[in-house]
PDB file of all heavy atoms in Angstrom:
ATOM      1  N   ASN A   1       0.814  -1.219   0.000  1.00  0.00           N
ATOM      2  CA  ASN A   1       0.000   0.000   0.000  1.00  0.00           C
ATOM      3  C   ASN A   1       0.845   1.265   0.000  1.00  0.00           C
ATOM      4  O   ASN A   1       0.562   2.213  -0.736  1.00  0.00           O
ATOM      5  CB  ASN A   1      -0.944   0.004   1.213  1.00  0.00           C
ATOM      6  CG  ASN A   1      -2.170  -0.866   0.987  1.00  0.00           C
ATOM      7  OD1 ASN A   1      -2.450  -1.293  -0.120  1.00  0.00           O
ATOM      8  ND2 ASN A   1      -2.895  -1.136   2.051  1.00  0.00           N
ATOM      9  N   SER A   2       1.890   1.294   0.840  1.00  0.00           N
ATOM     10  CA  SER A   2       2.697   2.519   0.921  1.00  0.00           C
ATOM     11  C   SER A   2       3.424   2.784  -0.393  1.00  0.00           C
ATOM     12  O   SER A   2       3.546   3.929  -0.821  1.00  0.00           O
ATOM     13  CB  SER A   2       3.679   2.451   2.090  1.00  0.00           C
ATOM     14  OG  SER A   2       4.551   1.352   1.950  1.00  0.00           O
ATOM     15  N   GLY A   3       3.915   1.726  -1.046  1.00  0.00           N
ATOM     16  CA  GLY A   3       4.621   1.901  -2.319  1.00  0.00           C
ATOM     17  C   GLY A   3       3.707   2.388  -3.422  1.00  0.00           C
ATOM     18  O   GLY A   3       4.048   3.315  -4.169  1.00  0.00           O
ATOM     19  N   VAL A   4       2.539   1.775  -3.538  1.00  0.00           N
ATOM     20  CA  VAL A   4       1.599   2.157  -4.601  1.00  0.00           C
ATOM     21  C   VAL A   4       1.035   3.554  -4.330  1.00  0.00           C
ATOM     22  O   VAL A   4       0.892   4.362  -5.260  1.00  0.00           O
ATOM     23  CB  VAL A   4       0.487   1.098  -4.745  1.00  0.00           C
ATOM     24  CG1 VAL A   4      -0.585   1.566  -5.724  1.00  0.00           C
ATOM     25  CG2 VAL A   4       1.082  -0.225  -5.220  1.00  0.00           C
ATOM     26  N   GLU A   5       0.739   3.859  -3.067  1.00  0.00           N
ATOM     27  CA  GLU A   5       0.274   5.214  -2.738  1.00  0.00           C
ATOM     28  C   GLU A   5       1.337   6.250  -3.075  1.00  0.00           C
ATOM     29  O   GLU A   5       1.025   7.326  -3.606  1.00  0.00           O
ATOM     30  CB  GLU A   5      -0.084   5.306  -1.253  1.00  0.00           C
ATOM     31  CG  GLU A   5      -1.407   4.646  -0.897  1.00  0.00           C
ATOM     32  CD  GLU A   5      -1.696   4.686   0.598  1.00  0.00           C
ATOM     33  OE1 GLU A   5      -0.823   5.129   1.361  1.00  0.00           O
ATOM     34  OE2 GLU A   5      -2.794   4.284   0.985  1.00  0.00           O
ATOM     35  N   ALA A   6       2.592   5.918  -2.793  1.00  0.00           N
ATOM     36  CA  ALA A   6       3.688   6.838  -3.117  1.00  0.00           C
ATOM     37  C   ALA A   6       3.772   7.055  -4.622  1.00  0.00           C
ATOM     38  O   ALA A   6       3.945   8.188  -5.089  1.00  0.00           O
ATOM     39  CB  ALA A   6       5.008   6.287  -2.581  1.00  0.00           C
ATOM     40  N   ALA A   7       3.652   5.975  -5.382  1.00  0.00           N
ATOM     41  CA  ALA A   7       3.729   6.081  -6.848  1.00  0.00           C
ATOM     42  C   ALA A   7       2.596   6.944  -7.391  1.00  0.00           C
ATOM     43  O   ALA A   7       2.803   7.771  -8.292  1.00  0.00           O
ATOM     44  CB  ALA A   7       3.694   4.682  -7.468  1.00  0.00           C
ATOM     45  N   ILE A   8       1.397   6.774  -6.837  1.00  0.00           N
ATOM     46  CA  ILE A   8       0.247   7.570  -7.272  1.00  0.00           C
ATOM     47  C   ILE A   8       0.479   9.050  -6.972  1.00  0.00           C
ATOM     48  O   ILE A   8       0.271   9.925  -7.819  1.00  0.00           O
ATOM     49  CB  ILE A   8      -1.043   7.067  -6.587  1.00  0.00           C
ATOM     50  CG1 ILE A   8      -1.415   5.686  -7.115  1.00  0.00           C
ATOM     51  CG2 ILE A   8      -2.191   8.056  -6.805  1.00  0.00           C
ATOM     52  CD1 ILE A   8      -2.490   4.976  -6.295  1.00  0.00           C
ATOM     53  N   ASP A   9       0.930   9.332  -5.750  1.00  0.00           N
ATOM     54  CA  ASP A   9       1.184  10.727  -5.361  1.00  0.00           C
ATOM     55  C   ASP A   9       2.275  11.353  -6.218  1.00  0.00           C
ATOM     56  O   ASP A   9       2.150  12.494  -6.676  1.00  0.00           O
ATOM     57  CB  ASP A   9       1.581  10.802  -3.885  1.00  0.00           C
ATOM     58  CG  ASP A   9       0.425  10.475  -2.947  1.00  0.00           C
ATOM     59  OD1 ASP A   9      -0.735  10.478  -3.426  1.00  0.00           O
ATOM     60  OD2 ASP A   9       0.679  10.204  -1.762  1.00  0.00           O
ATOM     61  N   LEU A  10       3.366  10.602  -6.421  1.00  0.00           N
ATOM     62  CA  LEU A  10       4.496  11.131  -7.184  1.00  0.00           C
ATOM     63  C   LEU A  10       4.141  11.354  -8.647  1.00  0.00           C
ATOM     64  O   LEU A  10       4.661  12.285  -9.285  1.00  0.00           O
ATOM     65  CB  LEU A  10       5.690  10.178  -7.073  1.00  0.00           C
ATOM     66  CG  LEU A  10       6.381  10.145  -5.704  1.00  0.00           C
ATOM     67  CD1 LEU A  10       7.299   8.927  -5.594  1.00  0.00           C
ATOM     68  CD2 LEU A  10       7.170  11.426  -5.476  1.00  0.00           C
ATOM     69  N   ALA A  11       3.243  10.535  -9.185  1.00  0.00           N
ATOM     70  CA  ALA A  11       2.859  10.662 -10.590  1.00  0.00           C
ATOM     71  C   ALA A  11       2.255  12.029 -10.899  1.00  0.00           C
ATOM     72  O   ALA A  11       2.317  12.504 -12.031  1.00  0.00           O
ATOM     73  CB  ALA A  11       1.888   9.555 -10.981  1.00  0.00           C
ATOM     74  N   GLY A  12       1.693  12.674  -9.860  1.00  0.00           N
ATOM     75  CA  GLY A  12       1.131  14.004 -10.055  1.00  0.00           C
ATOM     76  C   GLY A  12       2.176  15.110 -10.026  1.00  0.00           C
ATOM     77  O   GLY A  12       1.856  16.267 -10.281  1.00  0.00           O
ATOM     78  N   ILE A  13       3.423  14.751  -9.712  1.00  0.00           N
ATOM     79  CA  ILE A  13       4.491  15.749  -9.580  1.00  0.00           C
ATOM     80  C   ILE A  13       5.588  15.550 -10.614  1.00  0.00           C
ATOM     81  O   ILE A  13       6.039  16.493 -11.255  1.00  0.00           O
ATOM     82  CB  ILE A  13       5.128  15.661  -8.160  1.00  0.00           C
ATOM     83  CG1 ILE A  13       4.082  15.876  -7.068  1.00  0.00           C
ATOM     84  CG2 ILE A  13       6.278  16.656  -8.021  1.00  0.00           C
ATOM     85  CD1 ILE A  13       4.593  15.556  -5.668  1.00  0.00           C
ATOM     86  N   VAL A  14       6.002  14.282 -10.771  1.00  0.00           N
ATOM     87  CA  VAL A  14       7.188  13.989 -11.577  1.00  0.00           C
ATOM     88  C   VAL A  14       6.804  13.665 -13.022  1.00  0.00           C
ATOM     89  O   VAL A  14       5.626  13.528 -13.358  1.00  0.00           O
ATOM     90  CB  VAL A  14       7.984  12.812 -10.968  1.00  0.00           C
ATOM     91  CG1 VAL A  14       8.357  13.109  -9.517  1.00  0.00           C
ATOM     92  CG2 VAL A  14       7.205  11.503 -11.063  1.00  0.00           C
ATOM     93  N   GLU A  15       7.837  13.516 -13.862  1.00  0.00           N
ATOM     94  CA  GLU A  15       7.573  13.190 -15.272  1.00  0.00           C
ATOM     95  C   GLU A  15       7.084  11.755 -15.422  1.00  0.00           C
ATOM     96  O   GLU A  15       6.128  11.474 -16.134  1.00  0.00           O
ATOM     97  CB  GLU A  15       8.852  13.377 -16.100  1.00  0.00           C
ATOM     98  CG  GLU A  15       8.652  13.065 -17.576  1.00  0.00           C
ATOM     99  CD  GLU A  15       9.967  12.993 -18.335  1.00  0.00           C
ATOM    100  OE1 GLU A  15      10.944  13.642 -17.915  1.00  0.00           O
ATOM    101  OE2 GLU A  15      10.013  12.296 -19.366  1.00  0.00           O
ATOM    102  N   HIS A  16       7.763  10.821 -14.723  1.00  0.00           N
ATOM    103  CA  HIS A  16       7.412   9.403 -14.862  1.00  0.00           C
ATOM    104  C   HIS A  16       7.813   8.642 -13.613  1.00  0.00           C
ATOM    105  O   HIS A  16       8.844   8.934 -12.994  1.00  0.00           O
ATOM    106  CB  HIS A  16       8.121   8.800 -16.085  1.00  0.00           C
ATOM    107  CG  HIS A  16       7.661   7.405 -16.396  1.00  0.00           C
ATOM    108  ND1 HIS A  16       8.241   6.295 -15.814  1.00  0.00           N
ATOM    109  CD2 HIS A  16       6.670   6.938 -17.195  1.00  0.00           C
ATOM    110  CE1 HIS A  16       7.617   5.204 -16.252  1.00  0.00           C
ATOM    111  NE2 HIS A  16       6.664   5.567 -17.097  1.00  0.00           N
ATOM    112  N   VAL A  17       6.983   7.662 -13.221  1.00  0.00           N
ATOM    113  CA  VAL A  17       7.256   6.816 -12.059  1.00  0.00           C
ATOM    114  C   VAL A  17       7.338   5.359 -12.510  1.00  0.00           C
ATOM    115  O   VAL A  17       6.427   4.855 -13.175  1.00  0.00           O
ATOM    116  CB  VAL A  17       6.149   6.929 -10.987  1.00  0.00           C
ATOM    117  CG1 VAL A  17       6.473   6.019  -9.800  1.00  0.00           C
ATOM    118  CG2 VAL A  17       5.973   8.354 -10.530  1.00  0.00           C
ATOM    119  N   THR A  18       8.425   4.687 -12.123  1.00  0.00           N
ATOM    120  CA  THR A  18       8.553   3.252 -12.333  1.00  0.00           C
ATOM    121  C   THR A  18       8.458   2.575 -10.978  1.00  0.00           C
ATOM    122  O   THR A  18       9.270   2.842 -10.089  1.00  0.00           O
ATOM    123  CB  THR A  18       9.901   2.887 -12.988  1.00  0.00           C
ATOM    124  OG1 THR A  18      10.003   3.549 -14.253  1.00  0.00           O
ATOM    125  CG2 THR A  18      10.021   1.387 -13.201  1.00  0.00           C
ATOM    126  N   LEU A  19       7.461   1.720 -10.799  1.00  0.00           N
ATOM    127  CA  LEU A  19       7.328   0.987  -9.545  1.00  0.00           C
ATOM    128  C   LEU A  19       7.995  -0.381  -9.704  1.00  0.00           C
ATOM    129  O   LEU A  19       7.709  -1.121 -10.656  1.00  0.00           O
ATOM    130  CB  LEU A  19       5.861   0.817  -9.159  1.00  0.00           C
ATOM    131  CG  LEU A  19       5.643   0.210  -7.773  1.00  0.00           C
ATOM    132  CD1 LEU A  19       4.512   0.902  -7.040  1.00  0.00           C
ATOM    133  CD2 LEU A  19       5.355  -1.281  -7.846  1.00  0.00           C
ATOM    134  N   VAL A  20       8.894  -0.706  -8.790  1.00  0.00           N
ATOM    135  CA  VAL A  20       9.648  -1.964  -8.864  1.00  0.00           C
ATOM    136  C   VAL A  20       9.237  -2.844  -7.685  1.00  0.00           C
ATOM    137  O   VAL A  20       9.373  -2.456  -6.531  1.00  0.00           O
ATOM    138  CB  VAL A  20      11.178  -1.697  -8.825  1.00  0.00           C
ATOM    139  CG1 VAL A  20      11.952  -3.006  -8.896  1.00  0.00           C
ATOM    140  CG2 VAL A  20      11.589  -0.758  -9.960  1.00  0.00           C
ATOM    141  N   GLU A  21       8.734  -4.039  -7.996  1.00  0.00           N
ATOM    142  CA  GLU A  21       8.257  -4.969  -6.968  1.00  0.00           C
ATOM    143  C   GLU A  21       9.018  -6.296  -7.067  1.00  0.00           C
ATOM    144  O   GLU A  21       9.180  -6.846  -8.153  1.00  0.00           O
ATOM    145  CB  GLU A  21       6.753  -5.203  -7.127  1.00  0.00           C
ATOM    146  CG  GLU A  21       6.177  -6.379  -6.357  1.00  0.00           C
ATOM    147  CD  GLU A  21       6.437  -6.306  -4.859  1.00  0.00           C
ATOM    148  OE1 GLU A  21       6.382  -5.209  -4.269  1.00  0.00           O
ATOM    149  OE2 GLU A  21       6.701  -7.365  -4.272  1.00  0.00           O
ATOM    150  N   PHE A  22       9.469  -6.803  -5.923  1.00  0.00           N
ATOM    151  CA  PHE A  22      10.223  -8.056  -5.853  1.00  0.00           C
ATOM    152  C   PHE A  22       9.341  -9.263  -6.189  1.00  0.00           C
ATOM    153  O   PHE A  22       9.777 -10.209  -6.850  1.00  0.00           O
ATOM    154  CB  PHE A  22      10.808  -8.211  -4.437  1.00  0.00           C
ATOM    155  CG  PHE A  22      11.605  -9.459  -4.230  1.00  0.00           C
ATOM    156  CD1 PHE A  22      12.930  -9.530  -4.637  1.00  0.00           C
ATOM    157  CD2 PHE A  22      11.037 -10.563  -3.596  1.00  0.00           C
ATOM    158  CE1 PHE A  22      13.667 -10.691  -4.439  1.00  0.00           C
ATOM    159  CE2 PHE A  22      11.768 -11.716  -3.390  1.00  0.00           C
ATOM    160  CZ  PHE A  22      13.089 -11.781  -3.814  1.00  0.00           C
ATOM    161  N   ASP A  23       8.088  -9.231  -5.757  1.00  0.00           N
ATOM    162  CA  ASP A  23       7.169 -10.357  -5.947  1.00  0.00           C
ATOM    163  C   ASP A  23       6.613 -10.368  -7.374  1.00  0.00           C
ATOM    164  O   ASP A  23       6.837  -9.447  -8.156  1.00  0.00           O
ATOM    165  CB  ASP A  23       6.026 -10.242  -4.926  1.00  0.00           C
ATOM    166  CG  ASP A  23       5.395 -11.592  -4.615  1.00  0.00           C
ATOM    167  OD1 ASP A  23       5.664 -12.567  -5.337  1.00  0.00           O
ATOM    168  OD2 ASP A  23       4.613 -11.665  -3.646  1.00  0.00           O
ATOM    169  N   THR A  24       5.850 -11.415  -7.673  1.00  0.00           N
ATOM    170  CA  THR A  24       5.238 -11.522  -9.004  1.00  0.00           C
ATOM    171  C   THR A  24       3.899 -10.803  -9.068  1.00  0.00           C
ATOM    172  O   THR A  24       3.250 -10.801 -10.110  1.00  0.00           O
ATOM    173  CB  THR A  24       5.033 -13.003  -9.378  1.00  0.00           C
ATOM    174  OG1 THR A  24       4.300 -13.638  -8.330  1.00  0.00           O
ATOM    175  CG2 THR A  24       6.380 -13.708  -9.555  1.00  0.00           C
ATOM    176  N   LYS A  25       3.475 -10.225  -7.937  1.00  0.00           N
ATOM    177  CA  LYS A  25       2.221  -9.457  -7.923  1.00  0.00           C
ATOM    178  C   LYS A  25       2.338  -8.337  -6.904  1.00  0.00           C
ATOM    179  O   LYS A  25       3.153  -8.402  -5.980  1.00  0.00           O
ATOM    180  CB  LYS A  25       1.032 -10.355  -7.588  1.00  0.00           C
ATOM    181  CG  LYS A  25       1.134 -11.026  -6.222  1.00  0.00           C
ATOM    182  CD  LYS A  25      -0.032 -11.973  -5.991  1.00  0.00           C
ATOM    183  CE  LYS A  25      -0.005 -12.601  -4.601  1.00  0.00           C
ATOM    184  NZ  LYS A  25       1.198 -13.403  -4.345  1.00  0.00           N
ATOM    185  N   LEU A  26       1.511  -7.318  -7.103  1.00  0.00           N
ATOM    186  CA  LEU A  26       1.461  -6.223  -6.141  1.00  0.00           C
ATOM    187  C   LEU A  26       0.623  -6.660  -4.940  1.00  0.00           C
ATOM    188  O   LEU A  26      -0.340  -7.414  -5.086  1.00  0.00           O
ATOM    189  CB  LEU A  26       0.850  -4.974  -6.785  1.00  0.00           C
ATOM    190  CG  LEU A  26       1.596  -4.386  -7.984  1.00  0.00           C
ATOM    191  CD1 LEU A  26       0.856  -3.156  -8.511  1.00  0.00           C
ATOM    192  CD2 LEU A  26       3.027  -4.031  -7.633  1.00  0.00           C
ATOM    193  N   ARG A  27       0.981  -6.177  -3.756  1.00  0.00           N
ATOM    194  CA  ARG A  27       0.260  -6.540  -2.535  1.00  0.00           C
ATOM    195  C   ARG A  27      -0.695  -5.440  -2.087  1.00  0.00           C
ATOM    196  O   ARG A  27      -1.424  -5.618  -1.121  1.00  0.00           O
ATOM    197  CB  ARG A  27       1.266  -6.856  -1.417  1.00  0.00           C
ATOM    198  CG  ARG A  27       2.030  -8.146  -1.641  1.00  0.00           C
ATOM    199  CD  ARG A  27       3.262  -8.257  -0.770  1.00  0.00           C
ATOM    200  NE  ARG A  27       4.324  -7.363  -1.255  1.00  0.00           N
ATOM    201  CZ  ARG A  27       4.740  -6.283  -0.613  1.00  0.00           C
ATOM    202  NH1 ARG A  27       4.210  -5.941   0.530  1.00  0.00           N
ATOM    203  NH2 ARG A  27       5.693  -5.533  -1.118  1.00  0.00           N
ATOM    204  N   ALA A  28      -0.685  -4.331  -2.782  1.00  0.00           N
ATOM    205  CA  ALA A  28      -1.543  -3.203  -2.399  1.00  0.00           C
ATOM    206  C   ALA A  28      -3.017  -3.529  -2.623  1.00  0.00           C
ATOM    207  O   ALA A  28      -3.359  -4.423  -3.419  1.00  0.00           O
ATOM    208  CB  ALA A  28      -1.154  -1.966  -3.202  1.00  0.00           C
ATOM    209  N   ASP A  29      -3.883  -2.789  -1.935  1.00  0.00           N
ATOM    210  CA  ASP A  29      -5.327  -2.949  -2.125  1.00  0.00           C
ATOM    211  C   ASP A  29      -5.676  -2.740  -3.600  1.00  0.00           C
ATOM    212  O   ASP A  29      -5.076  -1.890  -4.279  1.00  0.00           O
ATOM    213  CB  ASP A  29      -6.094  -1.931  -1.276  1.00  0.00           C
ATOM    214  CG  ASP A  29      -5.873  -2.148   0.224  1.00  0.00           C
ATOM    215  OD1 ASP A  29      -5.426  -3.247   0.606  1.00  0.00           O
ATOM    216  OD2 ASP A  29      -6.136  -1.202   0.995  1.00  0.00           O
ATOM    217  N   GLN A  30      -6.684  -3.472  -4.067  1.00  0.00           N
ATOM    218  CA  GLN A  30      -7.032  -3.448  -5.486  1.00  0.00           C
ATOM    219  C   GLN A  30      -7.417  -2.044  -5.962  1.00  0.00           C
ATOM    220  O   GLN A  30      -7.080  -1.643  -7.072  1.00  0.00           O
ATOM    221  CB  GLN A  30      -8.173  -4.427  -5.775  1.00  0.00           C
ATOM    222  CG  GLN A  30      -8.385  -4.689  -7.260  1.00  0.00           C
ATOM    223  CD  GLN A  30      -7.162  -5.272  -7.956  1.00  0.00           C
ATOM    224  OE1 GLN A  30      -6.568  -6.232  -7.475  1.00  0.00           O
ATOM    225  NE2 GLN A  30      -6.763  -4.685  -9.079  1.00  0.00           N
ATOM    226  N   VAL A  31      -8.097  -1.280  -5.101  1.00  0.00           N
ATOM    227  CA  VAL A  31      -8.510   0.065  -5.498  1.00  0.00           C
ATOM    228  C   VAL A  31      -7.284   0.942  -5.788  1.00  0.00           C
ATOM    229  O   VAL A  31      -7.301   1.770  -6.717  1.00  0.00           O
ATOM    230  CB  VAL A  31      -9.423   0.711  -4.423  1.00  0.00           C
ATOM    231  CG1 VAL A  31      -8.672   0.933  -3.116  1.00  0.00           C
ATOM    232  CG2 VAL A  31     -10.023   2.013  -4.922  1.00  0.00           C
ATOM    233  N   LEU A  32      -6.210   0.739  -5.034  1.00  0.00           N
ATOM    234  CA  LEU A  32      -4.975   1.488  -5.279  1.00  0.00           C
ATOM    235  C   LEU A  32      -4.308   1.014  -6.564  1.00  0.00           C
ATOM    236  O   LEU A  32      -3.802   1.820  -7.346  1.00  0.00           O
ATOM    237  CB  LEU A  32      -4.019   1.337  -4.091  1.00  0.00           C
ATOM    238  CG  LEU A  32      -4.450   1.995  -2.786  1.00  0.00           C
ATOM    239  CD1 LEU A  32      -3.493   1.618  -1.659  1.00  0.00           C
ATOM    240  CD2 LEU A  32      -4.513   3.507  -2.939  1.00  0.00           C
TER     241      LEU A  32
END
């Protein structure tokens, strides 16, 4: 959740966000 929320917030500021996850799926809530 914290990683995906950070990516969402940063996307409104920066040019581009790349989210890097160790697992084969994201663990954040589906709505995020």
